[in-house]
C-alpha atoms as a PDB file:
ATOM      1  CA  MET A   1     -34.326 -94.918  28.960  1.00  0.00           C
ATOM      2  CA  SER A   2     -36.005 -91.807  27.398  1.00  0.00           C
ATOM      3  CA  HIS A   3     -39.060 -90.949  28.012  1.00  0.00           C
ATOM      4  CA  PHE A   4     -42.030 -88.948  25.598  1.00  0.00           C
ATOM      5  CA  SER A   5     -45.373 -87.570  26.521  1.00  0.00           C
ATOM      6  CA  ALA A   6     -48.332 -87.125  24.608  1.00  0.00           C
ATOM      7  CA  PRO A   7     -48.046 -83.627  23.698  1.00  0.00           C
ATOM      8  CA  ALA A   8     -44.028 -83.673  21.658  1.00  0.00           C
ATOM      9  CA  LEU A   9     -46.645 -86.340  19.910  1.00  0.00           C
ATOM     10  CA  ARG A  10     -49.425 -85.328  18.523  1.00  0.00           C
ATOM     11  CA  HIS A  11     -48.477 -84.458  14.443  1.00  0.00           C
ATOM     12  CA  LEU A  12     -48.848 -88.014  14.092  1.00  0.00           C
ATOM     13  CA  PRO A  13     -52.330 -89.388  13.148  1.00  0.00           C
ATOM     14  CA  VAL A  14     -54.568 -91.460  14.997  1.00  0.00           C
ATOM     15  CA  GLY A  15     -53.369 -95.404  14.143  1.00  0.00           C
ATOM     16  CA  ALA A  16     -49.753 -93.919  13.855  1.00  0.00           C
ATOM     17  CA  TRP A  17     -48.299 -94.635  17.023  1.00  0.00           C
ATOM     18  CA  ARG A  18     -44.857 -95.679  17.841  1.00  0.00           C
ATOM     19  CA  LEU A  19     -42.527 -96.948  20.737  1.00  0.00           C
ATOM     20  CA  HIS A  20     -39.448 -98.204  20.447  1.00  0.00           C
ATOM     21  CA  PRO A  21     -37.630-100.152  22.051  1.00  0.00           C
ATOM     22  CA  GLY A  22     -35.712 -98.612  25.167  1.00  0.00           C
ATOM     23  CA  HIS A  23     -38.454 -95.702  25.160  1.00  0.00           C
ATOM     24  CA  ALA A  24     -41.931 -95.236  27.578  1.00  0.00           C
ATOM     25  CA  MET A  25     -44.342 -92.894  27.359  1.00  0.00           C
ATOM     26  CA  SER A  26     -46.748 -90.854  29.679  1.00  0.00           C
ATOM     27  CA  LEU A  27     -50.523 -90.515  28.595  1.00  0.00           C
ATOM     28  CA  GLN A  28     -53.427 -88.717  30.589  1.00  0.00           C
ATOM     29  CA  PRO A  29     -56.296 -88.778  28.983  1.00  0.00           C
ATOM     30  CA  ARG A  30     -59.203 -85.173  29.273  1.00  0.00           C
ATOM     31  CA  GLN A  31     -61.501 -87.843  28.507  1.00  0.00           C
ATOM     32  CA  ALA A  32     -61.766 -91.333  28.473  1.00  0.00           C
ATOM     33  CA  ALA A  33     -59.511 -93.084  25.972  1.00  0.00           C
ATOM     34  CA  VAL A  34     -58.880 -96.871  24.859  1.00  0.00           C
ATOM     35  CA  LEU A  35     -55.710 -97.471  24.011  1.00  0.00           C
ATOM     36  CA  ARG A  36     -55.386-100.303  21.384  1.00  0.00           C
ATOM     37  CA  VAL A  37     -52.143-102.800  20.153  1.00  0.00           C
ATOM     38  CA  TYR A  38     -51.005-103.376  16.700  1.00  0.00           C
ATOM     39  CA  CYS A  39     -47.493-105.319  16.840  1.00  0.00           C
ATOM     40  CA  GLY A  40     -45.612-105.746  19.474  1.00  0.00           C
ATOM     41  CA  ARG A  41     -46.373-106.599  23.297  1.00  0.00           C
ATOM     42  CA  VAL A  42     -46.370-103.563  25.724  1.00  0.00           C
ATOM     43  CA  TRP A  43     -46.060-102.938  29.341  1.00  0.00           C
ATOM     44  CA  ALA A  44     -48.430-101.120  30.611  1.00  0.00           C
ATOM     45  CA  THR A  45     -49.029 -99.418  34.094  1.00  0.00           C
ATOM     46  CA  LEU A  46     -52.508 -97.639  34.679  1.00  0.00           C
ATOM     47  CA  GLY A  47     -52.455 -95.373  37.692  1.00  0.00           C
ATOM     48  CA  GLN A  48     -55.436 -93.195  39.668  1.00  0.00           C
ATOM     49  CA  GLY A  49     -55.999 -89.615  38.438  1.00  0.00           C
ATOM     50  CA  ALA A  50     -58.185 -87.623  40.072  1.00  0.00           C
ATOM     51  CA  GLU A  51     -61.267 -88.506  37.789  1.00  0.00           C
ATOM     52  CA  ALA A  52     -59.912 -91.790  37.701  1.00  0.00           C
ATOM     53  CA  GLY A  53     -62.898 -94.592  38.463  1.00  0.00           C
ATOM     54  CA  ALA A  54     -62.566 -97.701  41.087  1.00  0.00           C
ATOM     55  CA  PRO A  55     -59.359 -97.907  42.986  1.00  0.00           C
ATOM     56  CA  ASP A  56     -58.875-101.780  41.889  1.00  0.00           C
ATOM     57  CA  ASP A  57     -58.907-100.278  38.177  1.00  0.00           C
ATOM     58  CA  GLY A  58     -55.252 -99.397  38.136  1.00  0.00           C
ATOM     59  CA  GLY A  59     -51.945-101.830  37.954  1.00  0.00           C
ATOM     60  CA  ASP A  60     -49.574-103.181  35.660  1.00  0.00           C
ATOM     61  CA  ARG A  61     -50.749-105.213  32.587  1.00  0.00           C
ATOM     62  CA  PHE A  62     -49.283-106.489  29.645  1.00  0.00           C
ATOM     63  CA  LEU A  63     -50.870-105.449  26.044  1.00  0.00           C
ATOM     64  CA  GLY A  64     -50.017-108.480  22.868  1.00  0.00           C
ATOM     65  CA  PRO A  65     -51.438-107.423  19.214  1.00  0.00           C
ATOM     66  CA  GLY A  66     -54.890-107.395  19.267  1.00  0.00           C
ATOM     67  CA  ASP A  67     -55.218-106.381  23.196  1.00  0.00           C
ATOM     68  CA  VAL A  68     -57.778-103.166  23.968  1.00  0.00           C
ATOM     69  CA  LEU A  69     -57.115-101.232  26.989  1.00  0.00           C
ATOM     70  CA  SER A  70     -59.476 -98.535  28.285  1.00  0.00           C
ATOM     71  CA  VAL A  71     -58.207 -95.480  29.668  1.00  0.00           C
ATOM     72  CA  PRO A  72     -60.724 -93.470  32.168  1.00  0.00           C
ATOM     73  CA  ALA A  73     -60.982 -89.953  32.257  1.00  0.00           C
ATOM     74  CA  GLY A  74     -57.652 -87.993  34.849  1.00  0.00           C
ATOM     75  CA  ALA A  75     -55.634 -91.595  34.989  1.00  0.00           C
ATOM     76  CA  SER A  76     -51.956 -91.773  34.139  1.00  0.00           C
ATOM     77  CA  LEU A  77     -50.647 -94.369  31.744  1.00  0.00           C
ATOM     78  CA  VAL A  78     -47.464 -95.076  31.366  1.00  0.00           C
ATOM     79  CA  MET A  79     -45.926 -98.324  28.803  1.00  0.00           C
ATOM     80  CA  GLU A  80     -43.085 -99.209  27.741  1.00  0.00           C
ATOM     81  CA  PRO A  81     -42.554-101.910  25.135  1.00  0.00           C
ATOM     82  CA  VAL A  82     -41.250-105.421  26.719  1.00  0.00           C
ATOM     83  CA  ALA A  83     -37.982-106.276  25.664  1.00  0.00           C
ATOM     84  CA  VAL A  84     -38.398-109.602  23.434  1.00  0.00           C
ATOM     85  CA  PRO A  85     -35.149-111.477  22.004  1.00  0.00           C
ATOM     86  CA  GLY A  86     -33.732-110.322  18.444  1.00  0.00           C
ATOM     87  CA  ASP A  87     -36.827-107.844  18.026  1.00  0.00           C
ATOM     88  CA  GLN A  88     -35.939-104.151  18.051  1.00  0.00           C
ATOM     89  CA  GLY A  89     -39.300-102.991  15.542  1.00  0.00           C
ATOM     90  CA  PRO A  90     -41.137-100.844  17.171  1.00  0.00           C
ATOM     91  CA  VAL A  91     -44.671-100.581  19.354  1.00  0.00           C
ATOM     92  CA  HIS A  92     -47.574 -99.835  16.739  1.00  0.00           C
ATOM     93  CA  PHE A  93     -50.816 -98.684  18.345  1.00  0.00           C
ATOM     94  CA  ASP A  94     -53.752 -96.252  18.834  1.00  0.00           C
ATOM     95  CA  TRP A  95     -55.330 -94.061  20.832  1.00  0.00           C
ATOM     96  CA  SER A  96     -58.540 -92.630  20.599  1.00  0.00           C
ATOM     97  CA  ASP A  97     -60.885 -91.204  22.354  1.00  0.00           C
ATOM     98  CA  ALA A  98     -63.550 -94.104  23.739  1.00  0.00           C
ATOM     99  CA  ALA A  99     -66.812 -93.361  21.664  1.00  0.00           C
ATOM    100  CA  THR A 100     -64.711 -93.091  18.698  1.00  0.00           C
ATOM    101  CA  ALA A 101     -62.845 -96.338  18.877  1.00  0.00           C
ATOM    102  CA  LEU A 102     -65.435 -98.171  20.727  1.00  0.00           C
ATOM    103  CA  ALA A 103     -68.220 -97.458  17.297  1.00  0.00           C
ATOM    104  CA  PRO A 104     -67.094 -96.843  14.330  1.00  0.00           C
ATOM    105  CA  SER A 105     -68.857 -95.537  11.639  1.00  0.00           C
ATOM    106  CA  ARG A 106     -70.920 -97.708   9.631  1.00  0.00           C
ATOM    107  CA  PHE A 107     -69.217 -95.226   6.738  1.00  0.00           C
ATOM    108  CA  ALA A 108     -65.479 -95.946   8.338  1.00  0.00           C
ATOM    109  CA  ARG A 109     -66.230 -99.780   8.909  1.00  0.00           C
ATOM    110  CA  GLU A 110     -67.597 -99.794   4.886  1.00  0.00           C
ATOM    111  CA  VAL A 111     -66.500 -97.176   3.134  1.00  0.00           C
ATOM    112  CA  GLY A 112     -63.512 -95.773   4.501  1.00  0.00           C
ATOM    113  CA  ALA A 113     -62.369 -99.094   5.799  1.00  0.00           C
ATOM    114  CA  PRO A 114     -61.688-100.632   2.011  1.00  0.00           C
ATOM    115  CA  ALA A 115     -60.772 -97.476   0.480  1.00  0.00           C
ATOM    116  CA  ARG A 116     -57.567 -97.424   2.579  1.00  0.00           C
ATOM    117  CA  GLU A 117     -56.514-100.665   1.615  1.00  0.00           C
ATOM    118  CA  LEU A 118     -57.310 -99.817  -1.923  1.00  0.00           C
ATOM    119  CA  ARG A 119     -55.062 -96.770  -1.878  1.00  0.00           C
ATOM    120  CA  SER A 120     -52.582 -98.349  -0.230  1.00  0.00           C
ATOM    121  CA  SER A 121     -52.728-101.756  -2.666  1.00  0.00           C
ATOM    122  CA  LEU A 122     -52.761 -99.213  -5.524  1.00  0.00           C
ATOM    123  CA  ALA A 123     -49.442 -97.797  -4.391  1.00  0.00           C
ATOM    124  CA  HIS A 124     -47.587-101.052  -3.654  1.00  0.00           C
ATOM    125  CA  ALA A 125     -48.524-101.721  -7.475  1.00  0.00           C
ATOM    126  CA  ALA A 126     -47.030 -98.593  -8.558  1.00  0.00           C
ATOM    127  CA  VAL A 127     -43.894 -99.058  -6.720  1.00  0.00           C
ATOM    128  CA  ALA A 128     -43.907-102.537  -8.671  1.00  0.00           C
ATOM    129  CA  LEU A 129     -44.970-101.608 -11.771  1.00  0.00           C
ATOM    130  CA  THR A 130     -41.877 -98.886 -11.418  1.00  0.00           C
ATOM    131  CA  ARG A 131     -39.535-101.154 -10.147  1.00  0.00           C
ATOM    132  CA  MET A 132     -40.292-104.101 -13.305  1.00  0.00           C
ATOM    133  CA  VAL A 133     -39.884-100.698 -15.439  1.00  0.00           C
ATOM    134  CA  PHE A 134     -37.152 -99.726 -15.419  1.00  0.00           C
ATOM    135  CA  GLY A 135     -35.277-102.734 -14.996  1.00  0.00           C
ATOM    136  CA  LEU A 136     -36.467-104.189 -17.805  1.00  0.00           C
ATOM    137  CA  LEU A 137     -34.827-100.738 -19.404  1.00  0.00           C
ATOM    138  CA  GLY A 138     -31.455-102.186 -17.246  1.00  0.00           C
ATOM    139  CA  TYR A 139     -31.906-105.524 -19.649  1.00  0.00           C
ATOM    140  CA  SER A 140     -32.291-102.808 -22.768  1.00  0.00           C
ATOM    141  CA  GLU A 141     -28.801-103.546 -24.061  1.00  0.00           C
ATOM    142  CA  PHE A 142     -29.408-106.500 -23.999  1.00  0.00           C
ATOM    143  CA  LEU A 143     -31.872-107.334 -25.884  1.00  0.00           C
ATOM    144  CA  VAL A 144     -31.335-105.458 -28.676  1.00  0.00           C
ATOM    145  CA  ALA A 145     -26.888-105.882 -28.677  1.00  0.00           C
ATOM    146  CA  GLY A 146     -26.271-106.830 -32.275  1.00  0.00           C
ATOM    147  CA  ARG A 147     -29.921-106.496 -33.847  1.00  0.00           C
ATOM    148  CA  GLY A 148     -29.365-103.458 -36.375  1.00  0.00           C
ATOM    149  CA  ARG A 149     -26.265-103.708 -36.786  1.00  0.00           C
ATOM    150  CA  VAL A 150     -24.616-104.224 -40.507  1.00  0.00           C
ATOM    151  CA  LEU A 151     -21.424-106.092 -39.770  1.00  0.00           C
ATOM    152  CA  SER A 152     -18.226-105.369 -41.590  1.00  0.00           C
ATOM    153  CA  PRO A 153     -16.529-107.855 -44.107  1.00  0.00           C
ATOM    154  CA  LEU A 154     -13.995-109.047 -41.842  1.00  0.00           C
ATOM    155  CA  GLU A 155     -16.876-109.979 -39.241  1.00  0.00           C
ATOM    156  CA  SER A 156     -18.474-111.508 -41.373  1.00  0.00           C
ATOM    157  CA  LEU A 157     -16.655-113.695 -42.824  1.00  0.00           C
ATOM    158  CA  ARG A 158     -16.247-115.276 -39.093  1.00  0.00           C
ATOM    159  CA  SER A 159     -19.715-116.441 -38.982  1.00  0.00           C
END
């Protein structure tokens, strides 16, 4: 099993974290943080750190889509995807500060999220339009074949 630590993945934007099957990840937040699973299942082990909460807060947990785990400052979190037969896709999750993850601003909820959805939809529409135009261009020779061409005297006798 491969093992990654959080500093190796700092280039990923919030909400774009992925953990592929056969890999494990270890995270240790300096401030309280929240782990939110969007796709897939993960086995998370929450260990105690210098500033961690109560002793019974640690242990193993299985998290699925929509599950949220609060991780206290200084605690260590080790997680790996749960093997599901036939599923080789990565687990998609978000790792962020507890303050921003639990209380998104009104602007982020009412303007930011719809703007991201619109941008994604427009990108998909542009890709679909491009594919359709190239498809129609591929049929152009079929659509205009024989039109506008003067027939030779031998070809005109055959019809």
